[in-house]
């Protein structure tokens, strides 16, 4: 049985039932922690409520009883450390991975995809025809255009025909 825990940027694997120095089933580059390092890591993990919940599940699996929910946090961490010291539980630090860690799909290529020119992707602006003018607006435009052409001052109420 395996569990994975994260402490900031580091990821750890706890493994029940494997040899203490054996490789990880999921990552051959994992480093087995010695019990002294495990004390430091478990101390940091026990401060995180989510990790502590998982540590309680691990304690139940290692000890074999379901009394882990009512135990003190110190007893849970001590029980896990005891299992690490007795080589019933192995703790490994997994290497930090950057980028994709999942395998590419069968039809995908690992080469870089060329970027397209973004100017070709933008659509031409849609030309909206102007709405037809109402007859009253057309009449007002004619009056104002004649007044402007003659240069005479005008008042739109007086000049209306």
Foldseek 3Di string as FASTA:
>chain_A
DKDWDDQVQWIKIKDAPDFQQDADPVARPWAWDALVVLLVVLVRLLVDPVSLVVLLVVLCVQVVHNCSVVDDSVVSSVSVSVCSVVRRMIMIIHDGDDDDPDDDDPPDDPDDDDDDDVVVVDDDDDDDDDDDDDPVVVQLVVQVVVCVVVVHDDDSVVSRD
